[in-house]
Each structure stands twice: as C-alpha cells, then as structure tokens.
Amino acid sequence: VIVAPLTIVLARRALRGSMGAYLLWLGFIAFTVYNYVIYAFAIHFGPLFLLWVAVLGASTFTLVAGAFALDAAAVADAMHRDRRRVAGAFLMTVAGLFTLMWLSDIVSALLAGETPEVIDELNLPTNPVHVLDLAFFLPAAAFVGWSLWQRRPLGYAAAPAVFVLLAATGIPIMTTVVVTAARGQDAAWPLLGVIGVLTIAAIVGAAKSVRWH
C-alpha cells in the first residue's frame, strides 16, 4: 500500500534524472530485501514461497547493482549538508538504542537459559529481526551516521536510504499495535508513541537530506 507505489514513483523520477529520488529509491529496495529475507526464511512454506524467493533475489541484485552504480563523491553534491551533524547523531543514536534493546532481550534470555519470548511465540529457531538488525542494518546505520558526522561522501550518499529504511520499518510496527488493539488484545501503546516519533523523524530526515532536481 505504501512501499510499492512509492518505489515505482521514485523509480520514475530517478529515470528522469532526479538523483534525490534515486537515493531514496535505494532505501525502499533495501526495505524490500530486509522484509523478504524474513518472508523467505521465517514464514512457513506455502503457496507464496517461490514468489518470496523471486522478490528477494530480484531486490537483492537490484540493491547491489544500484549501490555500485553510485559515485559517492559525485552524488554528495545532491545532498543538503547544513544538518549533517544532527542527521548523523540521530542515526548513530537510533542504532545504539536498538542494539542495546535487542542485546538486553538476547543476553537476559541466554543468562536465564531460556529462549526470548518472541521466538517461542513465533515458533522459530531464532528471531530473524535480531539477526538482520545486529548483523547488518544497525552497524550500517551507525557507520553511515558516523560518516555524515565526518563529512564523508559515503555518508551523504547512503543516509537517504537509511532514513527511508527506518521510516518504512516503523510504519508496520505502528500498524501492528493498532491491529492488535482492534482485535481486543493487549496493545503496546507506549511502543506506538516511541516508534511514531522515530518514524516521523526518519521521514523528515529522508525528505531534507536530498535536493529534488
């Protein structure tokens, strides 16, 4: 409903020469990769399995090719630089907070000789979100934030995609809280507020990090 139409709109603008649209489009492709890793590895086998695998493969190759096509030094000129310290600090802070949150969940379970509750609820061997975030996304977000702080071209080029991935990840989390409440179950309303603030901040960061030309 949200990601697919925006991916198409940004792709069309990128094909017409908008570097800003291209950088944001990469973020939606990264979001697609992130989610379809979960679909392909953490959802029980069913009639959509081959479709999930096809989307995962196509989006992964697209992301790699799209990233390699960038000249970070050249595209840095397409970015707004006046708030780069704020943006960099935001990305590093979010990465640090989520790392601490996931580690507290994992380490407490390990020390107790138990499995994190969410893994038991989903009947999975591990939590794919923990794996993806701790192994890939959070270190990447922190590195991009640090690169922005240091005025590195890579930071300017990659920040829009990271902001988009953060925002696109926050929307389904908020939706889950609302749907849970609508079903008469206990909803984590405090989570809705925290994730809502982070999502809005990420949307603003994405919009202000590029020049629309």
Protein backbone atom coordinates (compact mmCIF):
# COMPACT_ATOMS: atom_id res chain seq x y z
CA VAL A 1 0.00 0.00 0.00
CA ILE A 2 2.80 2.43 0.83
CA VAL A 3 6.17 0.99 -0.17
CA ALA A 4 5.32 -0.45 -3.59
CA PRO A 5 3.70 2.74 -5.01
CA LEU A 6 6.49 4.95 -3.64
CA THR A 7 9.10 2.61 -5.10
CA ILE A 8 7.52 3.00 -8.54
CA VAL A 9 7.11 6.78 -8.24
CA LEU A 10 10.71 7.28 -7.15
CA ALA A 11 11.97 4.95 -9.89
CA ARG A 12 10.16 7.03 -12.50
CA ARG A 13 11.64 10.25 -11.11
CA ALA A 14 15.09 8.68 -10.95
CA LEU A 15 14.84 7.62 -14.61
CA ARG A 16 14.09 11.26 -15.43
CA GLY A 17 17.34 12.33 -13.81
CA SER A 18 16.50 13.02 -10.15
CA MET A 19 19.45 11.96 -8.01
CA GLY A 20 17.46 12.58 -4.85
CA ALA A 21 14.73 10.21 -5.99
CA TYR A 22 17.36 7.60 -6.89
CA LEU A 23 18.91 7.70 -3.41
CA LEU A 24 15.53 7.40 -1.69
CA TRP A 25 14.52 4.61 -4.08
CA LEU A 26 17.52 2.60 -2.91
CA GLY A 27 16.10 2.80 0.60
CA PHE A 28 12.83 1.20 -0.48
CA ILE A 29 14.75 -1.52 -2.31
CA ALA A 30 16.75 -2.16 0.88
CA PHE A 31 13.48 -2.34 2.83
CA THR A 32 12.19 -4.92 0.34
CA VAL A 33 15.33 -7.04 0.77
CA TYR A 34 15.04 -6.81 4.57
CA ASN A 35 11.41 -7.94 4.62
CA TYR A 36 11.69 -10.69 2.05
CA VAL A 37 14.61 -12.26 3.90
CA ILE A 38 12.13 -12.64 6.75
CA TYR A 39 9.39 -13.95 4.44
CA ALA A 40 11.71 -16.47 2.77
CA PHE A 41 13.39 -17.79 5.93
CA ALA A 42 10.95 -17.25 8.79
CA ILE A 43 7.46 -17.92 7.42
CA HIS A 44 6.30 -21.50 6.99
CA PHE A 45 6.40 -22.94 3.50
CA GLY A 46 3.32 -22.18 1.44
CA PRO A 47 1.97 -21.23 -2.00
CA LEU A 48 3.75 -17.85 -1.99
CA PHE A 49 7.20 -19.28 -1.25
CA LEU A 50 8.56 -19.09 -4.80
CA LEU A 51 7.24 -15.54 -5.16
CA TRP A 52 9.01 -14.51 -1.97
CA VAL A 53 12.26 -16.07 -3.20
CA ALA A 54 11.92 -14.34 -6.58
CA VAL A 55 11.32 -10.93 -4.99
CA LEU A 56 14.20 -11.47 -2.57
CA GLY A 57 16.60 -12.34 -5.38
CA ALA A 58 15.47 -9.52 -7.67
CA SER A 59 15.56 -6.87 -4.94
CA THR A 60 18.96 -8.02 -3.65
CA PHE A 61 20.59 -7.87 -7.08
CA THR A 62 18.88 -4.53 -7.73
CA LEU A 63 20.20 -3.09 -4.47
CA VAL A 64 23.75 -4.28 -5.13
CA ALA A 65 23.73 -3.02 -8.71
CA GLY A 66 22.14 0.28 -7.69
CA ALA A 67 24.70 0.87 -4.96
CA PHE A 68 27.65 0.03 -7.20
CA ALA A 69 26.33 2.42 -9.83
CA LEU A 70 26.76 5.33 -7.42
CA ASP A 71 29.81 7.54 -7.32
CA ALA A 72 29.65 8.65 -3.68
CA ALA A 73 31.85 11.69 -4.22
CA ALA A 74 29.75 12.85 -7.15
CA VAL A 75 26.32 12.29 -5.60
CA ALA A 76 27.32 14.02 -2.37
CA ASP A 77 26.59 17.25 -4.22
CA ALA A 78 22.93 16.21 -4.41
CA MET A 79 22.61 16.29 -0.63
CA HIS A 80 21.77 19.01 1.87
CA ARG A 81 24.74 19.43 4.20
CA ASP A 82 23.58 22.02 6.69
CA ARG A 83 22.12 19.49 9.18
CA ARG A 84 24.57 16.67 8.64
CA ARG A 85 25.66 16.57 12.33
CA VAL A 86 22.05 16.32 13.53
CA ALA A 87 21.31 13.60 10.97
CA GLY A 88 24.50 11.73 11.81
CA ALA A 89 23.84 11.88 15.55
CA PHE A 90 20.27 10.69 15.01
CA LEU A 91 21.35 7.63 13.01
CA MET A 92 24.09 6.69 15.49
CA THR A 93 21.74 7.15 18.45
CA VAL A 94 18.95 5.06 16.94
CA ALA A 95 21.43 2.33 16.01
CA GLY A 96 22.85 2.33 19.53
CA LEU A 97 19.45 2.25 21.27
CA PHE A 98 18.11 -0.60 19.15
CA THR A 99 21.35 -2.54 19.62
CA LEU A 100 21.05 -2.21 23.40
CA MET A 101 17.37 -3.18 23.28
CA TRP A 102 17.97 -6.33 21.23
CA LEU A 103 21.03 -7.31 23.26
CA SER A 104 19.15 -6.89 26.55
CA ASP A 105 16.48 -9.27 25.25
CA ILE A 106 19.01 -11.79 23.94
CA VAL A 107 21.54 -11.70 26.80
CA SER A 108 18.90 -11.91 29.54
CA ALA A 109 17.45 -14.99 27.83
CA LEU A 110 20.89 -16.57 27.45
CA LEU A 111 21.76 -15.98 31.11
CA ALA A 112 18.45 -17.49 32.17
CA GLY A 113 18.94 -20.47 29.89
CA GLU A 114 15.74 -19.61 28.06
CA THR A 115 14.59 -18.51 24.62
CA PRO A 116 13.37 -14.95 24.01
CA GLU A 117 9.59 -14.83 24.29
CA VAL A 118 9.03 -13.63 20.74
CA ILE A 119 10.85 -16.69 19.34
CA ASP A 120 8.61 -19.04 21.31
CA GLU A 121 5.51 -17.14 20.16
CA LEU A 122 6.52 -17.40 16.50
CA ASN A 123 7.76 -21.00 16.83
CA LEU A 124 11.06 -20.15 15.13
CA PRO A 125 14.64 -21.27 15.84
CA THR A 126 15.81 -17.63 16.06
CA ASN A 127 14.38 -14.14 15.60
CA PRO A 128 15.26 -13.01 12.05
CA VAL A 129 14.86 -9.35 13.06
CA HIS A 130 17.59 -9.78 15.68
CA VAL A 131 19.88 -11.34 13.09
CA LEU A 132 19.27 -8.77 10.34
CA ASP A 133 19.49 -5.79 12.66
CA LEU A 134 22.54 -6.81 14.68
CA ALA A 135 24.50 -8.28 11.76
CA PHE A 136 23.68 -5.77 9.03
CA PHE A 137 21.26 -2.88 9.47
CA LEU A 138 22.27 -1.34 12.81
CA PRO A 139 26.04 -1.44 12.13
CA ALA A 140 25.37 0.08 8.69
CA ALA A 141 23.16 2.83 10.17
CA ALA A 142 25.81 3.66 12.77
CA PHE A 143 28.56 3.74 10.15
CA VAL A 144 26.53 5.98 7.85
CA GLY A 145 25.79 8.30 10.77
CA TRP A 146 29.47 8.47 11.66
CA SER A 147 30.34 9.11 8.01
CA LEU A 148 27.90 12.03 7.95
CA TRP A 149 29.44 13.43 11.12
CA GLN A 150 32.87 13.17 9.49
CA ARG A 151 31.69 14.77 6.21
CA ARG A 152 32.47 11.58 4.28
CA PRO A 153 30.88 11.32 0.80
CA LEU A 154 29.57 7.85 1.62
CA GLY A 155 27.54 9.29 4.47
CA TYR A 156 25.81 11.84 2.25
CA ALA A 157 25.10 9.22 -0.42
CA ALA A 158 23.80 6.47 1.89
CA ALA A 159 21.92 8.50 4.52
CA PRO A 160 18.69 8.94 2.49
CA ALA A 161 18.36 5.17 2.02
CA VAL A 162 18.95 4.54 5.74
CA PHE A 163 16.33 7.14 6.69
CA VAL A 164 13.86 5.53 4.28
CA LEU A 165 14.53 2.06 5.69
CA LEU A 166 13.97 3.35 9.23
CA ALA A 167 10.71 5.07 8.29
CA ALA A 168 9.39 2.14 6.24
CA THR A 169 10.20 -0.25 9.09
CA GLY A 170 8.41 1.91 11.65
CA ILE A 171 5.10 2.04 9.77
CA PRO A 172 4.27 -1.71 10.00
CA ILE A 173 5.29 -1.72 13.68
CA MET A 174 2.77 1.04 14.39
CA THR A 175 0.16 -0.74 12.29
CA THR A 176 0.67 -3.91 14.33
CA VAL A 177 -0.12 -2.04 17.56
CA VAL A 178 -3.35 -0.65 16.11
CA VAL A 179 -4.43 -4.02 14.67
CA THR A 180 -3.67 -5.74 17.98
CA ALA A 181 -5.94 -3.28 19.79
CA ALA A 182 -8.66 -3.69 17.16
CA ARG A 183 -8.63 -7.44 17.81
CA GLY A 184 -9.25 -6.85 21.50
CA GLN A 185 -5.75 -7.92 22.55
CA ASP A 186 -3.30 -6.04 24.75
CA ALA A 187 -1.65 -3.40 22.57
CA ALA A 188 1.72 -1.85 23.32
CA TRP A 189 0.56 1.76 23.11
CA PRO A 190 3.80 3.20 24.56
CA LEU A 191 5.63 1.49 21.68
CA LEU A 192 3.33 3.27 19.24
CA GLY A 193 4.41 6.65 20.60
CA VAL A 194 8.14 5.89 20.56
CA ILE A 195 8.15 4.31 17.12
CA GLY A 196 5.87 7.08 15.84
CA VAL A 197 8.34 9.76 16.85
CA LEU A 198 11.26 7.86 15.31
CA THR A 199 9.31 7.23 12.11
CA ILE A 200 8.33 10.88 11.70
CA ALA A 201 11.91 11.95 12.39
CA ALA A 202 13.17 9.47 9.78
CA ILE A 203 10.66 10.74 7.20
CA VAL A 204 11.75 14.32 7.82
CA GLY A 205 15.39 13.26 7.63
CA ALA A 206 14.83 11.50 4.32
CA ALA A 207 12.95 14.46 2.80
CA LYS A 208 15.51 17.03 3.93
CA SER A 209 18.61 15.00 3.07
CA VAL A 210 18.24 15.32 -0.70
CA ARG A 211 17.83 18.06 -3.25
CA TRP A 212 14.91 17.46 -5.59
CA HIS A 213 16.36 18.08 -9.02
